[in-house]
């Protein structure tokens, strides 16, 4: 029996028709993508070679997320301060010129976050961090008063007590190598709970460590979803092992948040307080209140609504902690319970992750750069002498060199190495007089911007003098954006700087840090928050015999 397959003209016609249909579909799809407004305009910008239809999608297959930072620096050299990627029908545009960044960040029209931020929603919901609605601006204006300098002053003693507690616990690690990040994560969570939330540590015992670990793992899941195409779609993600882990971590986080809120409500009820967050400013500070201490950080950043806060206005308002203000907003019908929980989660996430990471980087850098650490010790000794007294707000004003060390650390190691905005209309930038298209995703890359030689001589060298007043005046304000800038800048930047000064000064008053890894050899990971893949390992030695520890 002859089993030879006979190809009839009928089958050939079907094959030709199918092939013609596929080719026609690809041509139509190619035309559709190429003529879309966002893609058409973005292709006028500098960009790497691309493949028809899928554009630059294959680029993401050539390197891991761990390569983002090095690739970003390479592309800056090759394509300049503006570069576009075409991903299907999407246009993604990278900016690293301060003049262009200022146009985007300073615009009240381009404050929306792109789709990649939606992966935070199960965790942070409709918090101010990611909310794109008109309600966001209303909430920001109200909560702004909780980070006024007069309120922050009252937190210094709590910052110090928690820092001293950490110093005591680190006593068991003397002469041993250890990862300092976990310790700093827990202490920063405790500081947030006692200050921004207004809840005593003893009422929420054992929350700090579990919460900090859960937040770190949740951040890793969000990061994976942003870069792994198979995890981006909720319908597929819910069947993955990560979805189950995410739910377990969310249970830990939400349980901790619930306890904090309940304790605050109980505290309010017991004390029968509404508007009683009394400010106890030190008399020694009053004469500097309208001078350097209220403007101490303005010169380092682009101005925003935090700088423009009116002193008389905040005196007339209730002086409440962050959580107290949220509860007060609920009483006034401005917020519901879910929004309170979402905003508490957001504040704890941002307020602990960024500070724990920055303080870890500072200690690792100082551990390697012994001469710079010696200058910090010299400055602290000139402020405190042989005293073991508590740190005060006035002391933090005198920590000029430590402040420059912190700022330089944030230059080389910005805690948020890149962030994004979605354009709501076409906008023209300075570079090349290019027009950036509506619906494009704009990626701002502080990690690359901060390492640009045009703004920072010898940009890879750690040099606190980059933040001497004369050097700062020569730079565009938007050449330094570790806390973003404009209408969606970080509300907590003054809170963060004050906390970092108290925390680091307390550690360094008591210990000398050593590390055998150069800051130029750190293995960096550009996740939600910048990390070291090799860990934040240091050794400590006691500085002086006389100590409160």
Protein backbone atom coordinates (compact mmCIF):
# COMPACT_ATOMS: atom_id res chain seq x y z
CA UNK A 1 0.00 0.00 0.00
CA UNK A 2 1.40 3.38 -1.03
CA UNK A 3 1.61 5.66 2.05
CA UNK A 4 3.26 8.57 0.29
CA UNK A 5 1.60 11.87 1.28
CA UNK A 6 0.15 13.59 -1.74
CA UNK A 7 0.03 17.38 -1.53
CA UNK A 8 -2.97 18.49 -3.49
CA UNK A 9 -3.44 21.95 -4.99
CA UNK A 10 -6.19 22.42 -2.40
CA UNK A 11 -3.74 21.98 0.50
CA UNK A 12 -1.23 24.23 -1.20
CA UNK A 13 -3.84 26.94 -1.53
CA UNK A 14 -4.68 26.68 2.17
CA UNK A 15 -0.98 26.97 3.04
CA UNK A 16 -0.47 29.97 0.80
CA UNK A 17 -3.59 31.62 2.20
CA UNK A 18 -2.46 31.04 5.78
CA UNK A 19 1.00 32.41 5.03
CA UNK A 20 -0.48 35.44 3.29
CA UNK A 21 -2.78 36.04 6.27
CA UNK A 22 0.14 35.90 8.70
CA UNK A 23 2.25 38.25 6.60
CA UNK A 24 -0.66 40.65 6.16
CA UNK A 25 -1.37 40.58 9.90
CA UNK A 26 2.27 41.33 10.69
CA UNK A 27 2.33 44.20 8.20
CA UNK A 28 -0.86 45.67 9.65
CA UNK A 29 0.44 45.20 13.21
CA UNK A 30 3.75 46.77 12.26
CA UNK A 31 1.97 49.74 10.67
CA UNK A 32 -0.32 50.09 13.73
CA UNK A 33 2.61 50.13 16.15
CA UNK A 34 4.80 52.40 14.02
CA UNK A 35 2.06 54.97 13.57
CA UNK A 36 1.01 55.09 17.21
CA UNK A 37 1.70 58.56 18.54
CA UNK A 38 3.90 57.49 21.47
CA UNK A 39 6.03 55.11 19.41
CA UNK A 40 6.31 57.44 16.42
CA UNK A 41 7.64 60.35 18.52
CA UNK A 42 9.84 58.19 20.73
CA UNK A 43 11.62 56.78 17.67
CA UNK A 44 12.87 60.29 16.89
CA UNK A 45 14.93 60.09 20.09
CA UNK A 46 18.30 58.33 20.36
CA UNK A 47 17.70 54.59 20.74
CA UNK A 48 19.48 51.23 20.32
CA UNK A 49 18.87 49.08 17.23
CA UNK A 50 15.45 47.44 17.35
CA UNK A 51 13.40 44.63 15.84
CA UNK A 52 10.17 45.39 13.94
CA UNK A 53 6.93 45.00 15.95
CA UNK A 54 8.52 43.92 19.25
CA UNK A 55 10.93 46.85 19.19
CA UNK A 56 13.50 46.62 21.98
CA UNK A 57 11.80 43.83 23.93
CA UNK A 58 14.74 41.51 23.24
CA UNK A 59 17.10 43.87 25.08
CA UNK A 60 15.55 42.81 28.37
CA UNK A 61 16.47 39.20 27.56
CA UNK A 62 20.16 40.08 27.19
CA UNK A 63 20.71 41.03 30.80
CA UNK A 64 19.34 40.31 34.25
CA UNK A 65 17.71 42.94 36.49
CA UNK A 66 21.01 42.91 38.37
CA UNK A 67 22.62 44.49 35.30
CA UNK A 68 20.35 47.54 35.19
CA UNK A 69 22.82 49.90 36.86
CA UNK A 70 25.84 49.02 34.74
CA UNK A 71 23.74 49.01 31.55
CA UNK A 72 22.32 52.40 32.50
CA UNK A 73 25.81 53.87 32.77
CA UNK A 74 26.85 52.26 29.47
CA UNK A 75 23.81 53.61 27.63
CA UNK A 76 24.46 57.10 29.04
CA UNK A 77 27.90 57.06 27.40
CA UNK A 78 26.59 55.63 24.13
CA UNK A 79 23.29 57.50 23.63
CA UNK A 80 23.54 60.57 25.85
CA UNK A 81 21.11 61.98 28.39
CA UNK A 82 17.94 60.97 26.49
CA UNK A 83 17.26 57.45 25.27
CA UNK A 84 14.06 55.70 24.23
CA UNK A 85 13.01 52.07 24.16
CA UNK A 86 10.08 50.83 22.11
CA UNK A 87 8.38 47.84 23.79
CA UNK A 88 5.48 46.74 21.61
CA UNK A 89 3.06 49.66 21.70
CA UNK A 90 4.78 51.26 24.68
CA UNK A 91 7.40 53.99 24.66
CA UNK A 92 9.83 54.06 27.59
CA UNK A 93 12.11 57.10 27.74
CA UNK A 94 15.12 57.50 30.04
CA UNK A 95 16.21 60.97 31.18
CA UNK A 96 19.44 61.93 32.96
CA UNK A 97 19.75 65.67 32.21
CA UNK A 98 18.72 67.88 35.17
CA UNK A 99 17.01 70.45 32.91
CA UNK A 100 14.82 67.77 31.35
CA UNK A 101 14.15 66.11 34.70
CA UNK A 102 13.07 69.44 36.17
CA UNK A 103 10.47 69.88 33.42
CA UNK A 104 8.93 66.49 34.21
CA UNK A 105 9.13 66.48 38.01
CA UNK A 106 8.12 70.10 38.46
CA UNK A 107 4.98 69.72 36.37
CA UNK A 108 1.67 69.21 38.23
CA UNK A 109 0.33 67.46 35.12
CA UNK A 110 2.78 64.57 35.06
CA UNK A 111 2.44 63.11 38.54
CA UNK A 112 0.88 59.76 37.62
CA UNK A 113 2.77 56.50 38.11
CA UNK A 114 2.97 53.96 35.25
CA UNK A 115 1.55 50.44 35.28
CA UNK A 116 4.64 48.90 36.92
CA UNK A 117 3.63 50.50 40.22
CA UNK A 118 0.31 48.61 40.22
CA UNK A 119 2.12 45.56 41.62
CA UNK A 120 2.32 47.43 44.95
CA UNK A 121 -1.48 47.63 45.19
CA UNK A 122 -2.12 44.39 47.17
CA UNK A 123 0.34 45.70 49.74
CA UNK A 124 0.09 49.51 49.75
CA UNK A 125 -3.35 49.93 48.18
CA UNK A 126 -4.40 53.52 47.48
CA UNK A 127 -1.79 55.16 49.70
CA UNK A 128 -0.41 58.58 48.83
CA UNK A 129 2.70 56.88 47.53
CA UNK A 130 0.94 55.56 44.43
CA UNK A 131 -2.48 57.19 44.32
CA UNK A 132 -2.99 59.17 41.11
CA UNK A 133 -6.40 60.64 41.99
CA UNK A 134 -7.24 64.22 42.95
CA UNK A 135 -7.61 62.99 46.54
CA UNK A 136 -3.84 62.47 46.67
CA UNK A 137 -3.13 66.22 46.57
CA UNK A 138 -5.73 66.95 49.24
CA UNK A 139 -4.22 64.32 51.54
CA UNK A 140 -0.66 65.54 50.91
CA UNK A 141 -1.52 69.13 51.83
CA UNK A 142 -3.09 68.00 55.10
CA UNK A 143 -0.34 65.56 56.10
CA UNK A 144 2.41 68.04 55.21
CA UNK A 145 2.08 69.63 58.64
CA UNK A 146 3.19 66.38 60.33
CA UNK A 147 6.75 66.82 59.00
CA UNK A 148 7.17 70.44 60.02
CA UNK A 149 10.48 71.14 61.72
CA UNK A 150 8.78 72.03 65.01
CA UNK A 151 7.24 68.56 65.19
CA UNK A 152 10.44 66.85 64.09
CA UNK A 153 12.33 68.50 66.95
CA UNK A 154 10.21 66.58 69.45
CA UNK A 155 11.31 63.29 67.90
CA UNK A 156 15.03 63.73 68.60
CA UNK A 157 14.92 62.21 72.09
CA UNK A 158 13.04 59.16 70.77
CA UNK A 159 15.51 58.78 67.91
CA UNK A 160 18.33 58.91 70.44
CA UNK A 161 16.79 56.38 72.86
CA UNK A 162 16.28 53.87 70.06
CA UNK A 163 19.78 54.52 68.71
CA UNK A 164 21.28 53.96 72.16
CA UNK A 165 19.34 50.72 72.46
CA UNK A 166 20.93 49.60 69.18
CA UNK A 167 24.39 50.56 70.45
CA UNK A 168 23.82 48.30 73.47
CA UNK A 169 22.73 45.37 71.30
CA UNK A 170 25.72 45.81 69.02
CA UNK A 171 27.98 45.33 72.04
CA UNK A 172 27.71 41.57 71.45
CA UNK A 173 29.16 42.01 67.95
CA UNK A 174 32.42 43.73 68.85
CA UNK A 175 35.34 42.40 66.76
CA UNK A 176 32.98 40.16 64.76
CA UNK A 177 31.99 40.61 61.15
CA UNK A 178 28.22 40.96 60.78
CA UNK A 179 25.57 42.30 58.42
CA UNK A 180 24.48 45.61 59.92
CA UNK A 181 21.42 46.04 57.67
CA UNK A 182 19.12 43.76 59.67
CA UNK A 183 19.92 45.61 62.90
CA UNK A 184 19.33 48.98 61.27
CA UNK A 185 16.05 47.78 59.72
CA UNK A 186 14.63 46.87 63.11
CA UNK A 187 15.72 50.07 64.85
CA UNK A 188 14.31 52.28 62.08
CA UNK A 189 10.95 50.46 62.28
CA UNK A 190 10.89 51.04 66.05
CA UNK A 191 11.73 54.73 65.54
CA UNK A 192 8.87 55.11 63.07
CA UNK A 193 6.39 53.44 65.36
CA UNK A 194 7.33 55.70 68.28
CA UNK A 195 7.48 58.95 66.30
CA UNK A 196 5.37 59.02 63.14
CA UNK A 197 2.85 56.59 64.63
CA UNK A 198 3.07 57.88 68.20
CA UNK A 199 2.94 54.38 69.74
CA UNK A 200 5.32 53.26 72.48
CA UNK A 201 7.63 50.37 71.58
CA UNK A 202 6.64 48.32 74.60
CA UNK A 203 3.04 48.22 73.36
CA UNK A 204 4.01 46.58 70.08
CA UNK A 205 6.84 44.29 71.17
CA UNK A 206 8.42 41.95 68.60
CA UNK A 207 6.80 43.64 65.61
CA UNK A 208 9.99 45.23 64.30
CA UNK A 209 11.99 42.22 63.08
CA UNK A 210 9.11 40.24 61.53
CA UNK A 211 7.75 43.36 59.84
CA UNK A 212 11.14 44.40 58.45
CA UNK A 213 11.83 40.92 57.03
CA UNK A 214 8.34 40.71 55.49
CA UNK A 215 8.74 44.11 53.84
CA UNK A 216 12.09 43.15 52.31
CA UNK A 217 10.62 39.97 50.82
CA UNK A 218 7.52 41.78 49.54
CA UNK A 219 9.79 44.28 47.81
CA UNK A 220 11.62 41.44 46.09
CA UNK A 221 8.32 39.98 44.82
CA UNK A 222 7.19 43.34 43.44
CA UNK A 223 10.55 43.75 41.72
CA UNK A 224 10.32 40.29 40.14
CA UNK A 225 6.84 41.04 38.81
CA UNK A 226 8.09 44.25 37.21
CA UNK A 227 10.75 42.41 35.20
CA UNK A 228 9.42 38.88 34.67
CA UNK A 229 6.83 38.83 31.88
CA UNK A 230 5.34 35.57 33.18
CA UNK A 231 4.52 37.22 36.52
CA UNK A 232 3.14 40.53 35.25
CA UNK A 233 -0.37 39.24 34.57
CA UNK A 234 -2.50 38.71 37.68
CA UNK A 235 -4.26 35.74 36.08
CA UNK A 236 -0.92 33.90 35.79
CA UNK A 237 0.68 35.25 38.95
CA UNK A 238 -2.07 33.92 41.23
CA UNK A 239 -1.08 30.34 40.34
CA UNK A 240 2.60 30.87 41.16
CA UNK A 241 4.41 29.97 44.37
CA UNK A 242 5.24 33.65 44.80
CA UNK A 243 1.53 34.50 45.07
CA UNK A 244 1.17 32.19 48.07
CA UNK A 245 4.31 33.64 49.68
CA UNK A 246 3.08 37.16 49.00
CA UNK A 247 -0.19 36.46 50.81
CA UNK A 248 1.67 35.07 53.83
CA UNK A 249 3.86 38.17 53.95
CA UNK A 250 0.85 40.46 53.53
CA UNK A 251 -0.78 38.76 56.51
CA UNK A 252 2.32 39.54 58.60
CA UNK A 253 2.43 43.17 57.47
CA UNK A 254 -1.30 43.81 57.81
CA UNK A 255 -1.40 42.20 61.24
CA UNK A 256 1.40 44.48 62.44
CA UNK A 257 -0.28 47.54 60.96
CA UNK A 258 -3.56 46.64 62.63
CA UNK A 259 -1.85 46.37 66.01
CA UNK A 260 -0.17 49.77 65.62
CA UNK A 261 -3.43 51.49 64.63
CA UNK A 262 -5.40 49.81 67.42
CA UNK A 263 -2.82 50.85 70.01
CA UNK A 264 -2.96 54.45 68.79
CA UNK A 265 -6.76 54.49 68.92
CA UNK A 266 -6.64 53.04 72.42
CA UNK A 267 -4.10 55.67 73.44
CA UNK A 268 -6.28 58.47 72.09
CA UNK A 269 -9.31 57.12 73.90
CA UNK A 270 -7.49 56.63 77.19
CA UNK A 271 -5.97 60.08 77.22
CA UNK A 272 -9.08 61.72 75.74
CA UNK A 273 -6.98 63.71 73.32
CA UNK A 274 -7.94 65.37 70.09
CA UNK A 275 -5.59 68.21 69.51
CA UNK A 276 -2.99 67.71 72.20
CA UNK A 277 0.27 66.93 70.48
CA UNK A 278 2.19 69.50 72.49
CA UNK A 279 5.49 70.74 71.15
CA UNK A 280 8.28 70.96 73.71
CA UNK A 281 10.97 72.82 71.80
CA UNK A 282 14.23 73.46 73.61
CA UNK A 283 14.83 77.06 74.64
CA UNK A 284 18.35 76.90 73.29
CA UNK A 285 16.99 76.31 69.80
CA UNK A 286 14.54 79.18 69.63
CA UNK A 287 17.08 81.80 68.64
CA UNK A 288 18.07 79.73 65.58
CA UNK A 289 14.54 78.71 64.64
CA UNK A 290 14.13 81.31 61.93
CA UNK A 291 17.68 80.86 60.71
CA UNK A 292 19.84 77.95 59.78
CA UNK A 293 17.96 75.15 61.50
CA UNK A 294 14.70 75.67 59.60
CA UNK A 295 16.44 75.97 56.25
CA UNK A 296 19.25 73.55 56.91
CA UNK A 297 18.36 71.15 54.09
CA UNK A 298 16.86 73.58 51.55
CA UNK A 299 20.11 74.27 49.79
CA UNK A 300 20.69 70.62 48.92
CA UNK A 301 17.49 69.98 47.01
CA UNK A 302 15.13 71.50 44.47
CA UNK A 303 12.52 73.49 46.38
CA UNK A 304 9.09 71.99 46.94
CA UNK A 305 6.01 72.36 49.14
CA UNK A 306 7.96 71.11 52.17
CA UNK A 307 10.22 74.16 51.96
CA UNK A 308 7.28 76.45 51.27
CA UNK A 309 5.37 75.36 54.35
CA UNK A 310 4.26 78.49 56.20
CA UNK A 311 5.43 78.74 59.81
CA UNK A 312 2.37 80.69 60.95
CA UNK A 313 0.08 78.24 59.20
CA UNK A 314 1.44 75.24 61.05
CA UNK A 315 1.25 77.07 64.37
CA UNK A 316 -2.47 77.52 63.85
CA UNK A 317 -3.08 73.88 62.94
CA UNK A 318 -3.15 70.86 65.19
CA UNK A 319 0.31 69.49 65.74
CA UNK A 320 -0.23 65.80 65.33
CA UNK A 321 1.89 62.80 64.50
CA UNK A 322 1.39 61.18 61.10
CA UNK A 323 -1.00 58.50 62.38
CA UNK A 324 -2.87 60.96 64.58
CA UNK A 325 -3.40 63.16 61.55
CA UNK A 326 -4.78 60.22 59.54
CA UNK A 327 -7.21 59.40 62.34
CA UNK A 328 -8.20 63.06 62.56
CA UNK A 329 -8.83 63.09 58.80
CA UNK A 330 -11.16 60.12 59.21
CA UNK A 331 -13.15 62.00 61.84
CA UNK A 332 -13.52 64.85 59.36
CA UNK A 333 -14.70 62.52 56.60
CA UNK A 334 -11.51 62.90 54.54
CA UNK A 335 -10.34 59.30 54.88
CA UNK A 336 -11.68 55.79 55.47
CA UNK A 337 -10.18 52.95 57.52
CA UNK A 338 -8.66 51.22 54.47
CA UNK A 339 -6.87 54.44 53.47
CA UNK A 340 -5.46 54.80 56.99
CA UNK A 341 -4.09 51.26 56.84
CA UNK A 342 -2.67 51.77 53.32
CA UNK A 343 -0.92 55.00 54.30
CA UNK A 344 0.52 53.51 57.49
CA UNK A 345 1.92 50.61 55.45
CA UNK A 346 3.39 53.05 52.92
CA UNK A 347 4.98 55.21 55.62
CA UNK A 348 6.51 52.22 57.39
CA UNK A 349 7.82 50.81 54.09
CA UNK A 350 9.40 54.03 52.83
CA UNK A 351 10.43 55.36 56.22
CA UNK A 352 12.31 52.26 57.29
CA UNK A 353 13.64 50.80 54.04
CA UNK A 354 15.32 53.93 52.77
CA UNK A 355 16.85 54.91 56.12
CA UNK A 356 18.04 51.41 56.99
CA UNK A 357 19.70 51.13 53.58
CA UNK A 358 21.28 54.59 53.64
CA UNK A 359 22.68 54.15 57.16
CA UNK A 360 24.05 50.74 56.14
CA UNK A 361 25.81 52.25 53.13
CA UNK A 362 27.23 55.07 55.29
CA UNK A 363 28.72 52.64 57.82
CA UNK A 364 30.20 50.43 55.10
CA UNK A 365 31.75 53.41 53.31
CA UNK A 366 33.18 54.86 56.52
CA UNK A 367 34.49 51.43 57.47
CA UNK A 368 36.67 51.46 54.36
CA UNK A 369 37.53 55.19 54.26
CA UNK A 370 39.22 55.54 57.64
CA UNK A 371 40.33 59.14 57.06
CA UNK A 372 36.78 60.31 56.42
CA UNK A 373 35.55 58.35 59.44
CA UNK A 374 38.24 60.05 61.53
CA UNK A 375 36.93 63.46 60.45
CA UNK A 376 33.41 62.44 61.47
CA UNK A 377 34.73 61.29 64.86
CA UNK A 378 36.61 64.58 65.23
CA UNK A 379 33.46 66.56 64.52
CA UNK A 380 31.39 64.52 66.98
CA UNK A 381 34.08 64.90 69.66
CA UNK A 382 34.05 68.67 69.16
CA UNK A 383 30.28 68.68 69.72
CA UNK A 384 29.99 66.22 72.62
CA UNK A 385 33.56 66.31 74.05
CA UNK A 386 33.88 63.58 76.70
CA UNK A 387 30.21 63.75 77.59
CA UNK A 388 27.80 60.85 77.15
CA UNK A 389 24.85 63.20 77.17
CA UNK A 390 21.85 62.78 74.94
CA UNK A 391 21.93 64.16 71.41
CA UNK A 392 19.79 67.28 70.92
CA UNK A 393 18.34 68.97 67.87
CA UNK A 394 20.92 71.74 68.21
CA UNK A 395 23.67 69.11 68.07
CA UNK A 396 22.37 67.88 64.71
CA UNK A 397 22.70 71.42 63.34
CA UNK A 398 26.42 71.30 64.17
CA UNK A 399 26.97 67.98 62.35
CA UNK A 400 28.07 69.67 59.11
CA UNK A 401 30.58 67.08 57.99
CA UNK A 402 28.40 64.09 58.90
CA UNK A 403 25.63 65.68 56.87
CA UNK A 404 27.92 65.96 53.86
CA UNK A 405 28.91 62.32 54.29
CA UNK A 406 25.22 61.32 54.27
CA UNK A 407 24.51 63.45 51.20
CA UNK A 408 27.51 62.03 49.34
CA UNK A 409 26.41 58.50 50.24
CA UNK A 410 22.99 59.27 48.78
CA UNK A 411 24.70 60.59 45.66
CA UNK A 412 26.63 57.41 44.95
CA UNK A 413 24.02 55.07 46.41
CA UNK A 414 20.55 56.65 46.08
CA UNK A 415 18.12 54.40 47.92
CA UNK A 416 15.69 54.58 45.01
CA UNK A 417 18.04 54.17 42.01
CA UNK A 418 15.33 54.85 39.43
CA UNK A 419 11.66 55.83 39.37
CA UNK A 420 9.07 56.62 36.72
CA UNK A 421 6.23 58.90 35.66
CA UNK A 422 3.54 58.57 33.01
CA UNK A 423 3.11 61.53 30.66
CA UNK A 424 -0.45 62.84 30.40
CA UNK A 425 0.30 65.02 27.37
CA UNK A 426 3.11 65.80 24.93
CA UNK A 427 5.90 67.83 26.48
CA UNK A 428 9.01 69.45 25.01
CA UNK A 429 12.35 69.10 26.78
CA UNK A 430 15.60 71.07 26.56
CA UNK A 431 17.84 68.32 25.19
CA UNK A 432 17.59 68.27 21.41
CA UNK A 433 14.35 70.25 21.62
CA UNK A 434 12.72 66.81 21.57
CA UNK A 435 9.00 66.29 22.15
CA UNK A 436 8.18 63.45 24.54
CA UNK A 437 4.83 61.84 23.68
CA UNK A 438 1.70 61.48 25.75
CA UNK A 439 1.35 58.05 27.43
CA UNK A 440 5.12 57.47 27.39
CA UNK A 441 6.72 56.10 30.54
CA UNK A 442 9.49 58.45 31.68
CA UNK A 443 12.23 56.79 33.72
CA UNK A 444 14.29 59.09 35.95
CA UNK A 445 17.64 57.51 36.79
CA UNK A 446 19.23 59.15 39.88
CA UNK A 447 21.91 56.46 40.03
CA UNK A 448 23.18 57.44 36.57
CA UNK A 449 22.53 61.18 36.99
CA UNK A 450 24.50 61.31 40.25
CA UNK A 451 27.50 59.68 38.55
CA UNK A 452 27.70 62.13 35.65
CA UNK A 453 31.07 63.90 35.41
CA UNK A 454 29.48 67.08 34.06
CA UNK A 455 27.99 67.72 37.52
CA UNK A 456 30.41 65.83 39.79
CA UNK A 457 34.17 65.89 39.07
CA UNK A 458 35.63 62.40 39.53
CA UNK A 459 32.07 61.09 39.95
CA UNK A 460 33.03 57.59 41.14
CA UNK A 461 35.15 58.95 44.01
CA UNK A 462 33.49 59.40 47.40
CA UNK A 463 33.97 63.09 48.21
CA UNK A 464 31.81 64.80 50.87
CA UNK A 465 33.12 68.16 49.63
CA UNK A 466 30.76 67.80 46.67
CA UNK A 467 28.27 69.28 49.13
CA UNK A 468 30.19 72.30 50.27
CA UNK A 469 27.99 75.38 49.67
CA UNK A 470 30.17 76.80 46.88
CA UNK A 471 30.16 73.50 44.99
CA UNK A 472 26.39 73.09 45.33
CA UNK A 473 25.70 76.56 44.02
CA UNK A 474 27.43 75.65 40.77
CA UNK A 475 25.04 72.76 40.07
CA UNK A 476 21.50 72.60 38.82
CA UNK A 477 19.29 71.71 41.80
CA UNK A 478 17.88 68.79 39.84
CA UNK A 479 21.34 67.23 39.47
CA UNK A 480 20.75 65.78 42.94
CA UNK A 481 17.41 64.06 43.52
CA UNK A 482 17.76 61.23 46.08
CA UNK A 483 14.30 62.16 47.42
CA UNK A 484 12.81 62.96 44.01
CA UNK A 485 11.56 66.57 43.59
CA UNK A 486 8.51 68.61 42.70
CA UNK A 487 4.86 67.95 43.64
CA UNK A 488 5.51 64.24 44.34
CA UNK A 489 8.78 64.65 46.22
CA UNK A 490 9.34 62.59 49.35
CA UNK A 491 7.41 64.09 52.27
CA UNK A 492 9.79 62.55 54.76
CA UNK A 493 13.15 63.88 53.60
CA UNK A 494 13.68 66.23 56.57
CA UNK A 495 12.48 63.48 58.90
CA UNK A 496 14.94 61.09 57.23
CA UNK A 497 17.93 63.44 57.47
CA UNK A 498 17.27 64.16 61.14
CA UNK A 499 16.86 60.48 61.96
CA UNK A 500 20.04 59.57 60.06
CA UNK A 501 22.07 62.19 61.90
CA UNK A 502 20.91 61.04 65.34
CA UNK A 503 21.25 57.33 64.52
CA UNK A 504 24.67 57.52 62.88
CA UNK A 505 26.14 60.00 65.36
CA UNK A 506 25.11 57.77 68.28
CA UNK A 507 26.69 54.70 66.69
CA UNK A 508 29.88 56.57 65.76
CA UNK A 509 30.24 58.20 69.17
CA UNK A 510 30.59 54.70 70.57
CA UNK A 511 32.19 52.62 67.83
CA UNK A 512 34.88 52.67 65.18
CA UNK A 513 33.80 50.88 62.01
CA UNK A 514 36.00 48.73 59.76
CA UNK A 515 35.31 47.07 56.41
CA UNK A 516 37.69 45.44 53.94
CA UNK A 517 35.49 46.00 50.86
CA UNK A 518 35.94 49.21 48.87
CA UNK A 519 32.77 51.15 48.13
CA UNK A 520 33.74 50.92 44.45
CA UNK A 521 33.54 47.12 44.65
CA UNK A 522 30.06 46.86 46.18
CA UNK A 523 27.85 44.38 44.28
CA UNK A 524 24.77 46.52 43.81
CA UNK A 525 21.22 45.39 43.09
CA UNK A 526 18.73 47.90 41.68
CA UNK A 527 15.61 46.53 43.31
CA UNK A 528 12.81 48.69 44.73
CA UNK A 529 15.43 49.96 47.16
CA UNK A 530 19.13 49.80 46.26
CA UNK A 531 20.83 46.84 47.93
CA UNK A 532 24.18 45.13 48.19
CA UNK A 533 24.10 41.59 46.85
CA UNK A 534 27.19 40.86 48.95
CA UNK A 535 25.58 42.17 52.15
CA UNK A 536 26.39 45.12 54.41
CA UNK A 537 29.20 43.47 56.38
CA UNK A 538 31.23 45.48 58.88
CA UNK A 539 33.22 45.08 62.09
CA UNK A 540 33.01 47.40 65.09
CA UNK A 541 35.41 48.29 67.88
CA UNK A 542 34.65 50.24 71.04
CA UNK A 543 35.85 53.84 70.73
CA UNK A 544 36.04 54.79 74.37
CA UNK A 545 35.86 53.18 77.76
CA UNK A 546 33.44 55.64 79.26
CA UNK A 547 30.04 55.06 77.72
CA UNK A 548 26.39 54.90 78.59
CA UNK A 549 26.21 51.44 77.09
